[in-house]
Amino acid sequence: MSNEYFTLLRGRRSIRRYQLTPVPRELVEEALLAATWAPSAHNRQPWRFAVVTSAETKHRLATAMGQQLRADLAADHMPEEVIEKDAGRSYQRLTAAPVLVLLCLSMADMDVYPDERRQRNEWIMAVQSVAMAGQNLLLAAHALGLAACWMCAPLFCPEVVRETLDLPAGWQPQGLITLGYPAEQKEKGRHPLASRTILLDD
């Protein structure tokens, strides 16, 4: 794997600590543009992006999501110190990142079926499309000298996120990517390919 692409692919890491240096808007837009070149079901491009850079909005979002996290963990009967530790970590990650990119999906242009089975699959296809756009964004950020991390937290409080950010109707929060210049380095490996693969024609 000496190819430049594979070097980029294998060098990307999920980074959660960032420098305070602001990220130029043009770099954010370039990463978002790369995201839009992902494949999508029927080429309907169901992804939607909400970009947050202001400290006040990040604070409001992190606070609202933290309240839901505390309620969920309390309902699970988790110890108070564990709840506060998790909520504090989440708040720090959201507010310390220079840029937050919320990935949403919209079913506005997707096919509509009369039965629940096919309609459910159509929604899953939209989810997969948004995930592929997110992967493009992560790789583009790395290529641009930025670091990023995908957070799944919006899945656990989509209404909270939608209301806090006043998102358009029909935007369904799927994930949140923190973005900035890296303030840490990470090295992680992967399980052997053979442990995750079945060669049916071998």
C-alpha atoms as a PDB file:
ATOM      1  CA  MET A   1       0.000   0.000   0.000  1.00  0.00           C
ATOM      2  CA  SER A   2       2.425   2.675  -1.172  1.00  0.00           C
ATOM      3  CA  ASN A   3      -0.267   4.576  -3.062  1.00  0.00           C
ATOM      4  CA  GLU A   4      -0.905   8.097  -1.712  1.00  0.00           C
ATOM      5  CA  TYR A   5      -4.584   7.335  -1.136  1.00  0.00           C
ATOM      6  CA  PHE A   6      -3.871   4.275   0.995  1.00  0.00           C
ATOM      7  CA  THR A   7      -1.310   6.250   2.990  1.00  0.00           C
ATOM      8  CA  LEU A   8      -3.987   8.861   3.679  1.00  0.00           C
ATOM      9  CA  LEU A   9      -6.583   6.205   4.499  1.00  0.00           C
ATOM     10  CA  ARG A  10      -4.379   4.401   6.986  1.00  0.00           C
ATOM     11  CA  GLY A  11      -3.129   7.607   8.581  1.00  0.00           C
ATOM     12  CA  ARG A  12      -6.532   8.975   9.603  1.00  0.00           C
ATOM     13  CA  ARG A  13      -7.403   8.748  13.292  1.00  0.00           C
ATOM     14  CA  SER A  14     -10.311   9.841  15.478  1.00  0.00           C
ATOM     15  CA  ILE A  15      -8.910  12.878  17.293  1.00  0.00           C
ATOM     16  CA  ARG A  16     -10.784  14.457  20.201  1.00  0.00           C
ATOM     17  CA  ARG A  17      -8.392  17.208  21.312  1.00  0.00           C
ATOM     18  CA  TYR A  18      -7.840  20.291  19.162  1.00  0.00           C
ATOM     19  CA  GLN A  19      -5.751  23.432  19.071  1.00  0.00           C
ATOM     20  CA  LEU A  20      -7.527  26.721  19.689  1.00  0.00           C
ATOM     21  CA  THR A  21      -6.577  27.851  16.173  1.00  0.00           C
ATOM     22  CA  PRO A  22      -9.700  28.704  14.154  1.00  0.00           C
ATOM     23  CA  VAL A  23     -10.336  26.638  11.021  1.00  0.00           C
ATOM     24  CA  PRO A  24     -10.608  28.768   7.851  1.00  0.00           C
ATOM     25  CA  ARG A  25     -14.089  28.667   6.381  1.00  0.00           C
ATOM     26  CA  GLU A  26     -12.767  27.632   2.986  1.00  0.00           C
ATOM     27  CA  LEU A  27     -11.270  24.458   4.470  1.00  0.00           C
ATOM     28  CA  VAL A  28     -14.566  23.553   6.100  1.00  0.00           C
ATOM     29  CA  GLU A  29     -16.375  24.116   2.802  1.00  0.00           C
ATOM     30  CA  GLU A  30     -13.800  22.029   0.946  1.00  0.00           C
ATOM     31  CA  ALA A  31     -14.344  19.137   3.358  1.00  0.00           C
ATOM     32  CA  LEU A  32     -18.112  19.478   3.011  1.00  0.00           C
ATOM     33  CA  LEU A  33     -17.832  19.515  -0.767  1.00  0.00           C
ATOM     34  CA  ALA A  34     -15.846  16.275  -0.594  1.00  0.00           C
ATOM     35  CA  ALA A  35     -18.655  14.812   1.512  1.00  0.00           C
ATOM     36  CA  THR A  36     -21.183  15.538  -1.229  1.00  0.00           C
ATOM     37  CA  TRP A  37     -19.247  13.355  -3.686  1.00  0.00           C
ATOM     38  CA  ALA A  38     -20.080  10.218  -1.733  1.00  0.00           C
ATOM     39  CA  PRO A  39     -22.292   7.622  -3.418  1.00  0.00           C
ATOM     40  CA  SER A  40     -25.957   7.725  -2.388  1.00  0.00           C
ATOM     41  CA  ALA A  41     -29.104   5.695  -2.897  1.00  0.00           C
ATOM     42  CA  HIS A  42     -30.692   6.573  -6.272  1.00  0.00           C
ATOM     43  CA  ASN A  43     -28.181   9.477  -6.294  1.00  0.00           C
ATOM     44  CA  ARG A  44     -30.725  11.397  -4.184  1.00  0.00           C
ATOM     45  CA  GLN A  45     -27.992  12.824  -1.924  1.00  0.00           C
ATOM     46  CA  PRO A  46     -30.100  12.822   1.262  1.00  0.00           C
ATOM     47  CA  TRP A  47     -27.363  14.341   3.433  1.00  0.00           C
ATOM     48  CA  ARG A  48     -27.794  17.702   5.123  1.00  0.00           C
ATOM     49  CA  PHE A  49     -25.113  19.561   7.112  1.00  0.00           C
ATOM     50  CA  ALA A  50     -25.396  22.082   9.936  1.00  0.00           C
ATOM     51  CA  VAL A  51     -22.091  23.813  10.729  1.00  0.00           C
ATOM     52  CA  VAL A  52     -21.569  25.319  14.185  1.00  0.00           C
ATOM     53  CA  THR A  53     -18.622  27.568  15.010  1.00  0.00           C
ATOM     54  CA  SER A  54     -19.856  30.061  17.615  1.00  0.00           C
ATOM     55  CA  ALA A  55     -18.989  29.384  21.239  1.00  0.00           C
ATOM     56  CA  GLU A  56     -22.484  30.363  22.391  1.00  0.00           C
ATOM     57  CA  THR A  57     -24.228  27.883  20.081  1.00  0.00           C
ATOM     58  CA  LYS A  58     -21.797  25.108  20.997  1.00  0.00           C
ATOM     59  CA  HIS A  59     -22.483  25.820  24.668  1.00  0.00           C
ATOM     60  CA  ARG A  60     -26.263  25.698  24.168  1.00  0.00           C
ATOM     61  CA  LEU A  61     -26.054  22.457  22.204  1.00  0.00           C
ATOM     62  CA  ALA A  62     -23.649  20.756  24.615  1.00  0.00           C
ATOM     63  CA  THR A  63     -25.729  21.839  27.609  1.00  0.00           C
ATOM     64  CA  ALA A  64     -28.995  20.583  26.118  1.00  0.00           C
ATOM     65  CA  MET A  65     -27.471  17.277  25.040  1.00  0.00           C
ATOM     66  CA  GLY A  66     -25.861  16.930  28.463  1.00  0.00           C
ATOM     67  CA  GLN A  67     -29.206  17.318  30.197  1.00  0.00           C
ATOM     68  CA  GLN A  68     -30.635  14.470  28.122  1.00  0.00           C
ATOM     69  CA  LEU A  69     -27.559  12.336  28.771  1.00  0.00           C
ATOM     70  CA  ARG A  70     -27.906  12.885  32.525  1.00  0.00           C
ATOM     71  CA  ALA A  71     -31.580  11.914  32.405  1.00  0.00           C
ATOM     72  CA  ASP A  72     -30.867   8.768  30.412  1.00  0.00           C
ATOM     73  CA  LEU A  73     -28.052   7.649  32.690  1.00  0.00           C
ATOM     74  CA  ALA A  74     -30.100   8.411  35.801  1.00  0.00           C
ATOM     75  CA  ALA A  75     -32.891   6.220  34.387  1.00  0.00           C
ATOM     76  CA  ASP A  76     -30.255   3.479  34.025  1.00  0.00           C
ATOM     77  CA  HIS A  77     -29.485   3.912  37.743  1.00  0.00           C
ATOM     78  CA  MET A  78     -25.885   4.861  37.074  1.00  0.00           C
ATOM     79  CA  PRO A  79     -23.898   6.370  39.987  1.00  0.00           C
ATOM     80  CA  GLU A  80     -23.950  10.162  40.141  1.00  0.00           C
ATOM     81  CA  GLU A  81     -20.175  10.427  39.734  1.00  0.00           C
ATOM     82  CA  VAL A  82     -20.324   8.343  36.548  1.00  0.00           C
ATOM     83  CA  ILE A  83     -23.140  10.490  35.178  1.00  0.00           C
ATOM     84  CA  GLU A  84     -21.264  13.714  35.828  1.00  0.00           C
ATOM     85  CA  LYS A  85     -18.050  12.326  34.381  1.00  0.00           C
ATOM     86  CA  ASP A  86     -19.765  11.258  31.149  1.00  0.00           C
ATOM     87  CA  ALA A  87     -21.710  14.504  30.836  1.00  0.00           C
ATOM     88  CA  GLY A  88     -18.626  16.586  31.538  1.00  0.00           C
ATOM     89  CA  ARG A  89     -16.585  14.713  28.960  1.00  0.00           C
ATOM     90  CA  SER A  90     -19.306  15.179  26.350  1.00  0.00           C
ATOM     91  CA  TYR A  91     -19.579  18.918  27.100  1.00  0.00           C
ATOM     92  CA  GLN A  92     -15.823  19.365  26.842  1.00  0.00           C
ATOM     93  CA  ARG A  93     -15.596  17.555  23.502  1.00  0.00           C
ATOM     94  CA  LEU A  94     -18.370  19.625  21.950  1.00  0.00           C
ATOM     95  CA  THR A  95     -17.346  23.034  23.233  1.00  0.00           C
ATOM     96  CA  ALA A  96     -13.568  22.648  22.781  1.00  0.00           C
ATOM     97  CA  ALA A  97     -13.752  21.751  19.082  1.00  0.00           C
ATOM     98  CA  PRO A  98     -13.387  24.777  16.773  1.00  0.00           C
ATOM     99  CA  VAL A  99     -16.027  23.397  14.386  1.00  0.00           C
ATOM    100  CA  LEU A 100     -18.997  21.069  14.785  1.00  0.00           C
ATOM    101  CA  VAL A 101     -20.572  19.530  11.698  1.00  0.00           C
ATOM    102  CA  LEU A 102     -23.947  17.936  12.346  1.00  0.00           C
ATOM    103  CA  LEU A 103     -24.796  15.284   9.769  1.00  0.00           C
ATOM    104  CA  CYS A 104     -28.503  14.877   9.115  1.00  0.00           C
ATOM    105  CA  LEU A 105     -30.605  12.991   6.615  1.00  0.00           C
ATOM    106  CA  SER A 106     -33.692  14.122   4.775  1.00  0.00           C
ATOM    107  CA  MET A 107     -36.240  11.808   3.205  1.00  0.00           C
ATOM    108  CA  ALA A 108     -37.583  14.616   1.020  1.00  0.00           C
ATOM    109  CA  ASP A 109     -36.167  13.195  -2.221  1.00  0.00           C
ATOM    110  CA  MET A 110     -36.203   9.500  -1.346  1.00  0.00           C
ATOM    111  CA  ASP A 111     -38.727   7.023  -2.770  1.00  0.00           C
ATOM    112  CA  VAL A 112     -42.019   6.456  -0.972  1.00  0.00           C
ATOM    113  CA  TYR A 113     -43.550   2.975  -0.611  1.00  0.00           C
ATOM    114  CA  PRO A 114     -46.993   1.948   0.661  1.00  0.00           C
ATOM    115  CA  ASP A 115     -45.624  -0.843   2.865  1.00  0.00           C
ATOM    116  CA  GLU A 116     -43.565  -0.521   6.028  1.00  0.00           C
ATOM    117  CA  ARG A 117     -40.870  -3.029   5.000  1.00  0.00           C
ATOM    118  CA  ARG A 118     -39.755  -1.223   1.859  1.00  0.00           C
ATOM    119  CA  GLN A 119     -40.158   2.212   3.410  1.00  0.00           C
ATOM    120  CA  ARG A 120     -37.947   1.147   6.304  1.00  0.00           C
ATOM    121  CA  ASN A 121     -35.312  -0.065   3.843  1.00  0.00           C
ATOM    122  CA  GLU A 122     -35.513   3.245   1.972  1.00  0.00           C
ATOM    123  CA  TRP A 123     -34.759   5.042   5.230  1.00  0.00           C
ATOM    124  CA  ILE A 124     -31.824   2.713   5.923  1.00  0.00           C
ATOM    125  CA  MET A 125     -30.495   3.497   2.449  1.00  0.00           C
ATOM    126  CA  ALA A 126     -30.587   7.189   3.345  1.00  0.00           C
ATOM    127  CA  VAL A 127     -28.749   6.467   6.609  1.00  0.00           C
ATOM    128  CA  GLN A 128     -26.072   4.565   4.689  1.00  0.00           C
ATOM    129  CA  SER A 129     -25.736   7.431   2.218  1.00  0.00           C
ATOM    130  CA  VAL A 130     -25.198   9.964   4.999  1.00  0.00           C
ATOM    131  CA  ALA A 131     -22.627   7.679   6.639  1.00  0.00           C
ATOM    132  CA  MET A 132     -20.662   7.478   3.380  1.00  0.00           C
ATOM    133  CA  ALA A 133     -20.744  11.274   3.113  1.00  0.00           C
ATOM    134  CA  GLY A 134     -19.417  11.430   6.657  1.00  0.00           C
ATOM    135  CA  GLN A 135     -16.534   9.124   5.775  1.00  0.00           C
ATOM    136  CA  ASN A 136     -15.656  11.351   2.822  1.00  0.00           C
ATOM    137  CA  LEU A 137     -15.663  14.331   5.166  1.00  0.00           C
ATOM    138  CA  LEU A 138     -13.347  12.596   7.641  1.00  0.00           C
ATOM    139  CA  LEU A 139     -10.868  11.657   4.925  1.00  0.00           C
ATOM    140  CA  ALA A 140     -10.998  15.107   3.343  1.00  0.00           C
ATOM    141  CA  ALA A 141     -10.346  16.741   6.713  1.00  0.00           C
ATOM    142  CA  HIS A 142      -7.293  14.539   7.191  1.00  0.00           C
ATOM    143  CA  ALA A 143      -6.030  15.383   3.712  1.00  0.00           C
ATOM    144  CA  LEU A 144      -6.425  19.096   4.516  1.00  0.00           C
ATOM    145  CA  GLY A 145      -4.285  18.807   7.644  1.00  0.00           C
ATOM    146  CA  LEU A 146      -7.264  18.812  10.002  1.00  0.00           C
ATOM    147  CA  ALA A 147      -8.360  16.285  12.586  1.00  0.00           C
ATOM    148  CA  ALA A 148     -11.876  15.038  13.194  1.00  0.00           C
ATOM    149  CA  CYS A 149     -13.967  12.630  15.233  1.00  0.00           C
ATOM    150  CA  TRP A 150     -17.402  11.181  14.567  1.00  0.00           C
ATOM    151  CA  MET A 151     -19.756  11.293  17.574  1.00  0.00           C
ATOM    152  CA  CYS A 152     -22.997   9.290  17.571  1.00  0.00           C
ATOM    153  CA  ALA A 153     -24.546  11.239  20.462  1.00  0.00           C
ATOM    154  CA  PRO A 154     -27.224  13.001  18.317  1.00  0.00           C
ATOM    155  CA  LEU A 155     -28.851   9.595  17.716  1.00  0.00           C
ATOM    156  CA  PHE A 156     -29.760   9.471  21.415  1.00  0.00           C
ATOM    157  CA  CYS A 157     -31.364  12.935  21.506  1.00  0.00           C
ATOM    158  CA  PRO A 158     -32.417  13.919  17.959  1.00  0.00           C
ATOM    159  CA  GLU A 159     -35.310  16.121  19.088  1.00  0.00           C
ATOM    160  CA  VAL A 160     -33.070  17.970  21.539  1.00  0.00           C
ATOM    161  CA  VAL A 161     -30.530  18.644  18.788  1.00  0.00           C
ATOM    162  CA  ARG A 162     -33.200  19.650  16.275  1.00  0.00           C
ATOM    163  CA  GLU A 163     -34.886  22.075  18.652  1.00  0.00           C
ATOM    164  CA  THR A 164     -31.671  23.567  20.022  1.00  0.00           C
ATOM    165  CA  LEU A 165     -30.302  24.310  16.558  1.00  0.00           C
ATOM    166  CA  ASP A 166     -33.720  25.153  15.082  1.00  0.00           C
ATOM    167  CA  LEU A 167     -33.131  22.789  12.174  1.00  0.00           C
ATOM    168  CA  PRO A 168     -35.427  22.726   9.134  1.00  0.00           C
ATOM    169  CA  ALA A 169     -38.348  20.327   9.306  1.00  0.00           C
ATOM    170  CA  GLY A 170     -37.410  16.856   8.102  1.00  0.00           C
ATOM    171  CA  TRP A 171     -33.719  17.064   9.029  1.00  0.00           C
ATOM    172  CA  GLN A 172     -32.958  13.943  11.070  1.00  0.00           C
ATOM    173  CA  PRO A 173     -29.708  14.199  13.138  1.00  0.00           C
ATOM    174  CA  GLN A 174     -27.446  11.193  12.556  1.00  0.00           C
ATOM    175  CA  GLY A 175     -23.985  12.094  13.785  1.00  0.00           C
ATOM    176  CA  LEU A 176     -21.759  14.954  14.802  1.00  0.00           C
ATOM    177  CA  ILE A 177     -18.224  15.481  13.553  1.00  0.00           C
ATOM    178  CA  THR A 178     -15.856  17.602  15.624  1.00  0.00           C
ATOM    179  CA  LEU A 179     -13.240  19.358  13.513  1.00  0.00           C
ATOM    180  CA  GLY A 180     -10.045  21.301  14.118  1.00  0.00           C
ATOM    181  CA  TYR A 181      -6.273  21.262  14.063  1.00  0.00           C
ATOM    182  CA  PRO A 182      -5.002  18.296  16.107  1.00  0.00           C
ATOM    183  CA  ALA A 183      -3.624  18.725  19.617  1.00  0.00           C
ATOM    184  CA  GLU A 184      -2.857  15.016  20.059  1.00  0.00           C
ATOM    185  CA  GLN A 185      -1.636  12.008  18.113  1.00  0.00           C
ATOM    186  CA  LYS A 186      -2.983   8.483  18.118  1.00  0.00           C
ATOM    187  CA  GLU A 187      -1.889   5.120  16.828  1.00  0.00           C
ATOM    188  CA  LYS A 188      -4.367   2.286  16.532  1.00  0.00           C
ATOM    189  CA  GLY A 189      -4.370  -0.927  14.561  1.00  0.00           C
ATOM    190  CA  ARG A 190      -7.018  -3.127  13.016  1.00  0.00           C
ATOM    191  CA  HIS A 191      -8.065  -6.723  13.499  1.00  0.00           C
ATOM    192  CA  PRO A 192      -6.583  -9.115  10.907  1.00  0.00           C
ATOM    193  CA  LEU A 193      -8.617  -9.140   7.714  1.00  0.00           C
ATOM    194  CA  ALA A 194      -9.000 -12.925   7.915  1.00  0.00           C
ATOM    195  CA  SER A 195     -10.813 -12.577  11.254  1.00  0.00           C
ATOM    196  CA  ARG A 196     -13.533 -10.486   9.606  1.00  0.00           C
ATOM    197  CA  THR A 197     -13.811 -12.142   6.189  1.00  0.00           C
ATOM    198  CA  ILE A 198     -15.389 -15.256   4.693  1.00  0.00           C
ATOM    199  CA  LEU A 199     -14.114 -16.323   1.267  1.00  0.00           C
ATOM    200  CA  LEU A 200     -17.141 -18.116  -0.098  1.00  0.00           C
ATOM    201  CA  ASP A 201     -15.452 -19.230  -3.323  1.00  0.00           C
ATOM    202  CA  ASP A 202     -12.180 -20.379  -1.800  1.00  0.00           C
END
